[in-house]
Amino acid sequence: MAGGLGTRMRSAVPKHLHPILGRRMVDWVLEAALPLGAEPLVVVASPDSRGAFGDIAVAVQEQPLGTGDAVRSARGTVGDEVDHLLVLSGDTPLLTADLLAALAETHRREEAAATILSFEPADRRAYGRVVRAGNGTVEAIVEAGDATPEQLALRECNSSIYVFRADALWPALDRLQPRNVQGELYLTDAVRDLVGRGERVVAHVAADPAETEGVNTRAELAAAAAALRDRINAAHMDAGVAIVDPATTWIEPGVSLEADVTVHPFTVLRGSTRVATGAEIGPHVVAIDAEIGAAALVGPFCYLRPGTVLGARAKAGTFVEIKKSTIGEGTKVPHLAYIGDAEIGEETNIGAGSITANLPHRPGLPKGKTTIGDNVRVAVDTTFVAPVTLGDDAWTAAGSVITDDVPPGALAGFAPRQVTKEGRGGKRDD
């Protein structure tokens, strides 16, 4: 269910589409459900967000008339061939596949018409309370606003996640009537209907109550993000990654880190970034869709943008920004540089303050490419006006603007106008 607007978020973005660590909130829920192999997978969405789910089937809830109406809206998309229905709430990003598998197993074992995923949170807030019968089955779900003091004291709460036997659920939804001032149809009333008709309703208690916590406010969104951050960081550390300060390190789920990588504080690794063994990242590094080779050094205060490939033993140092560029093995871009749309060979050094001026000379033209060979020595404050190529073993003079190709082994530059001296790379004038 992802049809709610989430007015408490105070945002024009629907609640379920708010980003958490590189994914939308609802995507975390879908990711937890996929390993169960449930078919079909259907998202109940509002009319405004019906196109936000790619190839996943979408059932539109035309008006926000409650959870019961949301599930009823999906019937035509789900079809009548389904025996059991797993109902998830799109605002529970901490769900895990293991928990959902355990819920489904309880449902099968108990041969229930409905199985509720319940939990015992430290702060029960406004969660509905689960009332058990003497034999342990569920007798009722009582909303907090309707509960007696005795019921409010119950520790077991409803997560709004269920498994239903389809042939019991659909008739129960058809019988729903709005019995509240909001005029909405609640899924909890369908549970009450099943209990009243003598159907077996049970509950599976989540071992970790945090996994079922819902997100309704910005503060709860931040808390969920921190919990996911901790979960991801713990998995990397268990696999041999050294994370110096997990509380300040944010790693998105698509990032790959090999053993013996070291990540320093205040580092953000995003997208499909890959880091090979022995690399050292941070502090204060942002890397997005970057590839960082073995034993490479990145940072501090470095920004690796999409398309960056940093070879083994390469260095991208302090206040360096690299975009859509390949930095060869052993090459160093130590500090205060911008490298964009470039290919730099092996064992080259880029001096401080150097940039690739890759914008086209006229609007509409593609960005130019800078190609720098192996064992090149780029002096401080060198600007490369792309497209331009420097051959292997070439040197530049400090403060140069390189506009023409430089042959291998040449020394080029000499502000304010480029002068090229062939065969002088690495040699001092007498």
Protein backbone atom coordinates (compact mmCIF):
# COMPACT_ATOMS: atom_id res chain seq x y z
CA MET A 1 0.00 0.00 0.00
CA ALA A 2 1.56 3.26 -1.16
CA GLY A 3 -1.40 5.48 -1.87
CA GLY A 4 -1.27 7.80 1.13
CA LEU A 5 -0.25 11.43 0.72
CA GLY A 6 1.64 11.68 3.99
CA THR A 7 0.44 15.14 5.01
CA ARG A 8 2.51 15.03 8.21
CA MET A 9 5.67 15.11 6.07
CA ARG A 10 4.73 18.67 5.06
CA SER A 11 5.87 17.97 1.51
CA ALA A 12 4.55 18.03 -2.05
CA VAL A 13 6.28 14.64 -2.52
CA PRO A 14 4.07 11.64 -1.59
CA LYS A 15 5.32 10.07 1.64
CA HIS A 16 6.24 6.72 0.11
CA LEU A 17 8.45 8.36 -2.54
CA HIS A 18 10.72 10.23 -0.13
CA PRO A 19 14.36 9.14 -0.57
CA ILE A 20 16.26 7.16 2.05
CA LEU A 21 19.89 6.24 1.33
CA GLY A 22 19.53 6.23 -2.44
CA ARG A 23 16.15 4.51 -2.62
CA ARG A 24 12.62 5.73 -2.21
CA MET A 25 10.92 4.62 0.98
CA VAL A 26 8.60 2.21 -0.84
CA ASP A 27 11.54 0.69 -2.73
CA TRP A 28 12.97 -0.59 0.57
CA VAL A 29 9.66 -2.36 1.21
CA LEU A 30 9.62 -3.85 -2.29
CA GLU A 31 13.22 -5.00 -1.85
CA ALA A 32 12.22 -6.89 1.30
CA ALA A 33 9.29 -8.55 -0.48
CA LEU A 34 11.06 -9.66 -3.67
CA PRO A 35 12.95 -12.67 -2.17
CA LEU A 36 9.62 -14.24 -1.18
CA GLY A 37 8.77 -14.68 -4.87
CA ALA A 38 5.18 -13.50 -4.43
CA GLU A 39 3.31 -13.11 -7.73
CA PRO A 40 1.89 -10.81 -8.84
CA LEU A 41 3.59 -7.90 -7.09
CA VAL A 42 1.19 -4.96 -7.02
CA VAL A 43 1.64 -1.41 -5.69
CA VAL A 44 -1.46 0.51 -4.66
CA ALA A 45 -0.73 4.12 -5.57
CA SER A 46 -2.48 7.48 -5.70
CA PRO A 47 -3.45 8.85 -9.13
CA ASP A 48 -0.55 11.32 -9.04
CA SER A 49 2.09 8.62 -8.52
CA ARG A 50 0.75 5.86 -10.75
CA GLY A 51 3.70 6.23 -13.15
CA ALA A 52 6.41 6.06 -10.49
CA PHE A 53 6.95 2.29 -10.35
CA GLY A 54 8.35 1.26 -13.72
CA ASP A 55 7.46 -2.30 -14.71
CA ILE A 56 5.74 -3.14 -11.40
CA ALA A 57 1.97 -3.52 -11.67
CA VAL A 58 0.06 -0.59 -10.18
CA ALA A 59 -3.48 -0.43 -8.84
CA VAL A 60 -4.76 3.13 -8.44
CA GLN A 61 -6.68 4.13 -5.33
CA GLU A 62 -8.68 6.99 -6.79
CA GLN A 63 -9.50 8.55 -3.42
CA PRO A 64 -7.72 8.09 -0.07
CA LEU A 65 -10.54 6.19 1.65
CA GLY A 66 -8.47 4.07 4.02
CA THR A 67 -6.45 0.88 4.09
CA GLY A 68 -9.41 -1.38 3.45
CA ASP A 69 -10.29 0.56 0.32
CA ALA A 70 -6.61 0.48 -0.75
CA VAL A 71 -6.49 -3.33 -0.69
CA ARG A 72 -9.91 -3.56 -2.34
CA SER A 73 -8.60 -1.30 -5.14
CA ALA A 74 -5.98 -3.92 -5.95
CA ARG A 75 -8.36 -6.82 -6.51
CA GLY A 76 -8.69 -6.36 -10.25
CA THR A 77 -4.93 -6.17 -10.68
CA VAL A 78 -4.17 -9.08 -8.33
CA GLY A 79 -6.75 -11.31 -9.99
CA ASP A 80 -8.77 -14.21 -8.63
CA GLU A 81 -6.14 -16.94 -9.02
CA VAL A 82 -4.25 -15.94 -5.88
CA ASP A 83 -4.71 -18.14 -2.79
CA HIS A 84 -3.02 -15.91 -0.22
CA LEU A 85 -2.30 -12.19 -0.11
CA LEU A 86 0.64 -10.52 1.64
CA VAL A 87 -0.31 -6.92 2.46
CA LEU A 88 2.56 -4.53 3.15
CA SER A 89 2.64 -0.91 4.17
CA GLY A 90 4.83 1.24 1.95
CA ASP A 91 6.04 3.35 4.88
CA THR A 92 7.97 0.58 6.71
CA PRO A 93 11.45 0.76 5.13
CA LEU A 94 13.15 -1.30 7.86
CA LEU A 95 11.34 -4.53 6.93
CA THR A 96 13.54 -7.51 6.08
CA ALA A 97 12.91 -10.51 3.88
CA ASP A 98 13.63 -12.82 6.81
CA LEU A 99 10.86 -11.27 8.88
CA LEU A 100 8.35 -11.53 6.04
CA ALA A 101 9.32 -15.15 5.42
CA ALA A 102 8.73 -15.92 9.10
CA LEU A 103 5.34 -14.22 8.94
CA ALA A 104 4.35 -16.29 5.89
CA GLU A 105 5.51 -19.49 7.59
CA THR A 106 3.36 -18.76 10.66
CA HIS A 107 0.38 -18.15 8.40
CA ARG A 108 0.86 -21.51 6.66
CA ARG A 109 1.51 -23.42 9.86
CA GLU A 110 -1.51 -21.99 11.67
CA GLU A 111 -3.80 -22.45 8.64
CA ALA A 112 -5.22 -19.02 9.41
CA ALA A 113 -7.63 -16.85 7.49
CA ALA A 114 -5.48 -13.88 8.50
CA THR A 115 -2.11 -13.48 10.19
CA ILE A 116 -1.07 -10.14 11.65
CA LEU A 117 2.54 -9.04 11.96
CA SER A 118 2.62 -7.61 15.48
CA PHE A 119 5.43 -6.05 17.49
CA GLU A 120 6.17 -4.67 20.95
CA PRO A 121 7.70 -1.18 20.58
CA ALA A 122 9.23 0.76 23.43
CA ASP A 123 6.92 3.67 22.54
CA ARG A 124 3.47 2.39 21.65
CA ARG A 125 2.21 5.86 20.63
CA ALA A 126 -0.99 5.61 18.58
CA TYR A 127 -0.49 2.07 17.30
CA GLY A 128 -3.51 -0.21 17.43
CA ARG A 129 -3.37 -2.78 20.21
CA VAL A 130 -3.63 -6.52 19.54
CA VAL A 131 -6.10 -8.23 21.87
CA ARG A 132 -5.58 -11.97 22.25
CA ALA A 133 -8.14 -14.60 23.17
CA GLY A 134 -7.45 -17.19 25.86
CA ASN A 135 -6.20 -19.71 23.28
CA GLY A 136 -3.67 -17.24 21.87
CA THR A 137 -5.53 -16.35 18.68
CA VAL A 138 -6.34 -12.73 17.86
CA GLU A 139 -9.62 -11.50 19.25
CA ALA A 140 -9.46 -7.93 18.02
CA ILE A 141 -7.30 -5.01 16.91
CA VAL A 142 -8.32 -1.94 18.88
CA GLU A 143 -7.34 1.51 17.67
CA ALA A 144 -5.60 3.56 20.36
CA GLY A 145 -8.31 6.20 20.29
CA ASP A 146 -10.98 3.59 20.97
CA ALA A 147 -9.07 1.52 23.53
CA THR A 148 -9.88 1.18 27.21
CA PRO A 149 -7.12 1.89 29.76
CA GLU A 150 -6.61 -1.86 30.11
CA GLN A 151 -6.23 -2.27 26.34
CA LEU A 152 -3.86 0.69 26.10
CA ALA A 153 -1.63 -1.08 28.60
CA LEU A 154 -1.18 -4.01 26.20
CA ARG A 155 2.34 -4.16 24.78
CA GLU A 156 1.54 -5.95 21.52
CA CYS A 157 0.77 -3.58 18.65
CA ASN A 158 -0.43 -3.91 15.06
CA SER A 159 2.13 -3.17 12.32
CA SER A 160 -0.52 -2.95 9.55
CA ILE A 161 1.21 -5.83 7.75
CA TYR A 162 -0.81 -8.99 7.15
CA VAL A 163 -1.19 -12.24 5.29
CA PHE A 164 -4.76 -13.11 4.28
CA ARG A 165 -6.39 -16.12 2.72
CA ALA A 166 -7.81 -14.52 -0.41
CA ASP A 167 -11.17 -16.31 -0.35
CA ALA A 168 -11.74 -14.92 3.16
CA LEU A 169 -10.39 -11.41 2.53
CA TRP A 170 -12.31 -10.32 -0.57
CA PRO A 171 -15.81 -10.95 0.91
CA ALA A 172 -14.75 -9.26 4.15
CA LEU A 173 -13.66 -6.17 2.21
CA ASP A 174 -16.98 -6.11 0.37
CA ARG A 175 -18.77 -6.03 3.72
CA LEU A 176 -16.80 -3.06 5.08
CA GLN A 177 -18.73 0.01 6.18
CA PRO A 178 -17.28 3.38 7.24
CA ARG A 179 -17.68 3.44 11.02
CA ASN A 180 -15.55 6.49 11.75
CA VAL A 181 -15.75 10.26 11.37
CA GLN A 182 -13.27 10.15 8.49
CA GLY A 183 -15.63 7.98 6.47
CA GLU A 184 -12.79 5.57 5.69
CA LEU A 185 -12.65 1.80 5.32
CA TYR A 186 -10.07 0.18 7.59
CA LEU A 187 -8.35 -3.14 7.06
CA THR A 188 -8.57 -3.72 10.80
CA ASP A 189 -12.36 -3.84 10.39
CA ALA A 190 -11.90 -6.69 7.91
CA VAL A 191 -9.95 -8.54 10.62
CA ARG A 192 -12.81 -7.88 13.06
CA ASP A 193 -15.25 -9.23 10.48
CA LEU A 194 -13.27 -12.45 10.09
CA VAL A 195 -13.05 -12.98 13.86
CA GLY A 196 -16.78 -12.37 14.17
CA ARG A 197 -17.47 -15.05 11.57
CA GLY A 198 -15.42 -17.62 13.44
CA GLU A 199 -12.38 -17.53 11.15
CA ARG A 200 -8.96 -18.23 12.65
CA VAL A 201 -6.85 -15.05 13.02
CA VAL A 202 -3.37 -15.26 14.54
CA ALA A 203 -0.38 -12.97 15.05
CA HIS A 204 3.33 -13.34 14.43
CA VAL A 205 5.42 -11.20 16.80
CA ALA A 206 8.45 -9.53 15.22
CA ALA A 207 11.63 -10.39 17.11
CA ASP A 208 13.02 -6.91 16.42
CA PRO A 209 10.29 -4.28 16.79
CA ALA A 210 12.36 -1.70 14.89
CA GLU A 211 11.78 -3.60 11.63
CA THR A 212 8.07 -2.79 11.67
CA GLU A 213 8.26 0.90 12.62
CA GLY A 214 6.32 3.14 10.24
CA VAL A 215 7.43 6.54 8.95
CA ASN A 216 4.99 9.43 9.10
CA THR A 217 7.12 12.49 9.88
CA ARG A 218 10.45 13.99 8.84
CA ALA A 219 11.91 13.04 12.22
CA GLU A 220 10.85 9.40 11.75
CA LEU A 221 12.30 9.48 8.22
CA ALA A 222 15.67 10.57 9.62
CA ALA A 223 15.52 7.87 12.30
CA ALA A 224 14.78 5.20 9.68
CA ALA A 225 17.68 6.43 7.53
CA ALA A 226 20.04 6.19 10.50
CA ALA A 227 18.87 2.64 11.24
CA LEU A 228 19.43 1.60 7.61
CA ARG A 229 22.85 3.28 7.66
CA ASP A 230 23.81 1.28 10.74
CA ARG A 231 22.55 -1.95 9.17
CA ILE A 232 24.55 -1.40 5.97
CA ASN A 233 27.70 -0.36 7.82
CA ALA A 234 27.50 -3.38 10.11
CA ALA A 235 27.28 -5.71 7.11
CA HIS A 236 30.36 -4.13 5.52
CA MET A 237 32.33 -4.33 8.76
CA ASP A 238 31.36 -7.99 9.15
CA ALA A 239 32.80 -8.51 5.64
CA GLY A 240 36.16 -6.99 6.57
CA VAL A 241 35.76 -3.28 5.82
CA ALA A 242 37.23 -0.83 8.34
CA ILE A 243 34.73 1.97 9.00
CA VAL A 244 36.41 4.33 11.44
CA ASP A 245 33.24 6.14 12.56
CA PRO A 246 30.04 4.36 11.46
CA ALA A 247 27.83 7.14 12.83
CA THR A 248 29.19 9.65 10.29
CA THR A 249 29.61 7.27 7.35
CA TRP A 250 26.75 6.92 4.86
CA ILE A 251 26.94 4.08 2.34
CA GLU A 252 24.09 3.39 -0.07
CA PRO A 253 22.98 -0.21 -0.65
CA GLY A 254 24.32 -0.44 -4.21
CA VAL A 255 27.91 0.29 -3.13
CA SER A 256 30.46 -2.55 -3.23
CA LEU A 257 33.40 -2.53 -0.82
CA GLU A 258 36.05 -5.26 -0.78
CA ALA A 259 37.78 -6.47 2.38
CA ASP A 260 40.49 -4.26 3.88
CA VAL A 261 39.03 -1.04 2.51
CA THR A 262 39.27 1.76 5.08
CA VAL A 263 36.54 4.41 5.21
CA HIS A 264 37.24 7.49 7.30
CA PRO A 265 34.61 9.71 9.01
CA PHE A 266 32.14 11.95 7.19
CA THR A 267 32.32 9.95 3.98
CA VAL A 268 29.33 9.41 1.65
CA LEU A 269 29.47 6.57 -0.90
CA ARG A 270 26.55 6.56 -3.30
CA GLY A 271 25.05 4.75 -6.27
CA SER A 272 27.07 1.92 -7.78
CA THR A 273 30.43 2.99 -6.37
CA ARG A 274 32.95 0.13 -6.18
CA VAL A 275 36.06 0.15 -4.01
CA ALA A 276 38.80 -2.45 -4.29
CA THR A 277 40.79 -3.95 -1.46
CA GLY A 278 43.30 -1.80 0.37
CA ALA A 279 41.85 1.52 -0.79
CA GLU A 280 41.56 4.32 1.76
CA ILE A 281 38.62 6.73 1.49
CA GLY A 282 38.05 9.98 3.35
CA PRO A 283 37.56 11.81 5.55
CA HIS A 284 34.95 14.12 4.00
CA VAL A 285 34.69 12.32 0.65
CA VAL A 286 31.65 12.05 -1.62
CA ALA A 287 31.84 9.36 -4.33
CA ILE A 288 28.95 8.71 -6.73
CA ASP A 289 28.98 5.82 -9.23
CA ALA A 290 32.78 5.79 -9.02
CA GLU A 291 35.25 2.93 -9.39
CA ILE A 292 38.20 3.07 -6.99
CA GLY A 293 41.08 0.66 -7.52
CA ALA A 294 43.15 -1.38 -5.08
CA ALA A 295 45.28 0.60 -2.64
CA ALA A 296 44.02 3.91 -4.04
CA LEU A 297 43.84 6.97 -1.79
CA VAL A 298 40.87 9.35 -1.84
CA GLY A 299 40.51 12.53 0.16
CA PRO A 300 40.16 14.28 2.44
CA PHE A 301 37.56 16.64 0.98
CA CYS A 302 37.30 14.94 -2.41
CA TYR A 303 34.33 14.69 -4.77
CA LEU A 304 34.21 11.77 -7.22
CA ARG A 305 31.32 12.21 -9.63
CA PRO A 306 29.71 9.58 -11.90
CA GLY A 307 32.01 8.02 -14.46
CA THR A 308 35.17 8.33 -12.37
CA VAL A 309 37.57 5.39 -12.56
CA LEU A 310 40.52 5.58 -10.18
CA GLY A 311 43.19 2.99 -10.91
CA ALA A 312 45.16 0.93 -8.42
CA ARG A 313 47.51 3.00 -6.23
CA ALA A 314 46.10 6.20 -7.71
CA LYS A 315 45.37 9.22 -5.56
CA ALA A 316 42.61 11.83 -5.63
CA GLY A 317 43.53 14.17 -2.83
CA THR A 318 42.37 17.21 -0.94
CA PHE A 319 39.81 19.47 -2.64
CA VAL A 320 39.89 17.47 -5.85
CA GLU A 321 36.84 16.98 -8.07
CA ILE A 322 36.81 14.32 -10.79
CA LYS A 323 34.01 13.65 -13.25
CA LYS A 324 33.69 11.11 -16.10
CA SER A 325 37.42 10.49 -16.16
CA THR A 326 39.86 7.60 -15.93
CA ILE A 327 42.88 8.07 -13.69
CA GLY A 328 45.56 5.46 -14.41
CA GLU A 329 47.44 3.23 -12.01
CA GLY A 330 49.79 5.10 -9.72
CA THR A 331 48.68 8.49 -11.02
CA LYS A 332 48.25 11.27 -8.49
CA VAL A 333 45.86 14.21 -8.48
CA PRO A 334 46.93 15.33 -5.03
CA HIS A 335 45.12 18.60 -4.37
CA LEU A 336 43.10 21.57 -5.60
CA ALA A 337 42.24 20.25 -9.06
CA TYR A 338 39.27 19.65 -11.35
CA ILE A 339 39.47 16.77 -13.82
CA GLY A 340 36.48 16.28 -16.12
CA ASP A 341 36.03 14.29 -19.36
CA ALA A 342 39.63 13.18 -19.26
CA GLU A 343 41.78 10.10 -19.66
CA ILE A 344 45.05 10.13 -17.74
CA GLY A 345 47.62 7.36 -18.04
CA GLU A 346 49.81 5.66 -15.47
CA GLU A 347 52.34 7.17 -13.03
CA THR A 348 51.40 10.73 -13.97
CA ASN A 349 51.34 13.64 -11.52
CA ILE A 350 48.83 16.52 -11.77
CA GLY A 351 50.03 19.65 -9.98
CA ALA A 352 47.92 21.76 -7.63
CA GLY A 353 45.42 24.16 -9.18
CA SER A 354 45.24 22.31 -12.52
CA ILE A 355 41.96 21.97 -14.39
CA THR A 356 40.56 20.51 -17.59
CA ALA A 357 38.52 23.22 -19.31
CA ASN A 358 36.14 20.83 -21.02
CA LEU A 359 33.21 23.10 -21.91
CA PRO A 360 32.64 23.43 -25.68
CA HIS A 361 33.67 26.61 -27.45
CA ARG A 362 30.15 27.04 -28.86
CA PRO A 363 26.74 26.04 -27.42
CA GLY A 364 25.44 22.70 -28.64
CA LEU A 365 28.83 21.11 -29.15
CA PRO A 366 29.90 18.11 -27.02
CA LYS A 367 32.34 18.63 -24.19
CA GLY A 368 35.96 18.28 -25.19
CA LYS A 369 38.19 15.48 -23.97
CA THR A 370 41.61 15.85 -22.40
CA THR A 371 44.03 12.96 -22.91
CA ILE A 372 47.21 12.83 -20.84
CA GLY A 373 49.69 9.99 -21.28
CA ASP A 374 51.90 7.97 -18.96
CA ASN A 375 54.58 9.51 -16.72
CA VAL A 376 53.50 13.07 -17.48
CA ARG A 377 54.43 15.89 -15.09
CA VAL A 378 51.83 18.63 -14.95
CA ALA A 379 53.05 21.72 -13.12
CA VAL A 380 50.90 23.81 -10.79
CA ASP A 381 48.10 25.97 -12.20
CA THR A 382 47.98 24.30 -15.61
CA THR A 383 44.76 24.64 -17.60
CA PHE A 384 44.00 22.21 -20.43
CA VAL A 385 41.64 23.66 -23.03
CA ALA A 386 39.96 20.57 -24.43
CA PRO A 387 40.16 18.83 -26.78
CA VAL A 388 43.86 18.44 -26.22
CA THR A 389 46.36 15.57 -25.93
CA LEU A 390 49.69 15.29 -24.05
CA GLY A 391 51.99 12.44 -25.00
CA ASP A 392 53.89 10.16 -22.65
CA ASP A 393 56.70 11.74 -20.59
CA ALA A 394 55.58 15.29 -21.44
CA TRP A 395 55.90 18.17 -18.96
CA THR A 396 54.08 21.47 -18.56
CA ALA A 397 55.41 24.71 -17.15
CA ALA A 398 53.75 26.31 -14.14
CA GLY A 399 50.82 28.60 -14.86
CA SER A 400 50.38 27.34 -18.43
CA VAL A 401 47.29 27.29 -20.61
CA ILE A 402 47.63 24.29 -22.90
CA THR A 403 45.64 24.77 -26.10
CA ASP A 404 47.62 22.62 -28.55
CA ASP A 405 48.62 18.98 -28.48
CA VAL A 406 51.96 18.26 -26.80
CA PRO A 407 54.21 15.57 -28.30
CA PRO A 408 55.74 12.82 -26.15
CA GLY A 409 58.70 13.99 -24.13
CA ALA A 410 58.06 17.68 -24.79
CA LEU A 411 57.97 20.59 -22.34
CA ALA A 412 55.05 22.97 -23.04
CA GLY A 413 53.52 26.10 -21.63
CA PHE A 414 55.27 29.30 -20.52
CA ALA A 415 52.53 31.82 -19.75
CA PRO A 416 51.09 34.05 -21.04
CA ARG A 417 51.33 32.16 -24.35
CA GLN A 418 52.12 28.52 -24.98
CA VAL A 419 55.56 27.68 -26.28
CA THR A 420 56.41 24.07 -27.05
CA LYS A 421 60.00 22.87 -26.84
CA GLU A 422 60.28 19.37 -28.23
CA GLY A 423 62.61 16.97 -26.49
CA ARG A 424 62.85 19.15 -23.41
CA GLY A 425 60.47 17.25 -21.10
CA GLY A 426 62.15 16.66 -17.73
CA LYS A 427 65.20 18.82 -18.63
CA ARG A 428 66.26 22.10 -17.06
CA ASP A 429 67.36 25.09 -19.10
CA ASP A 430 70.99 26.06 -18.63
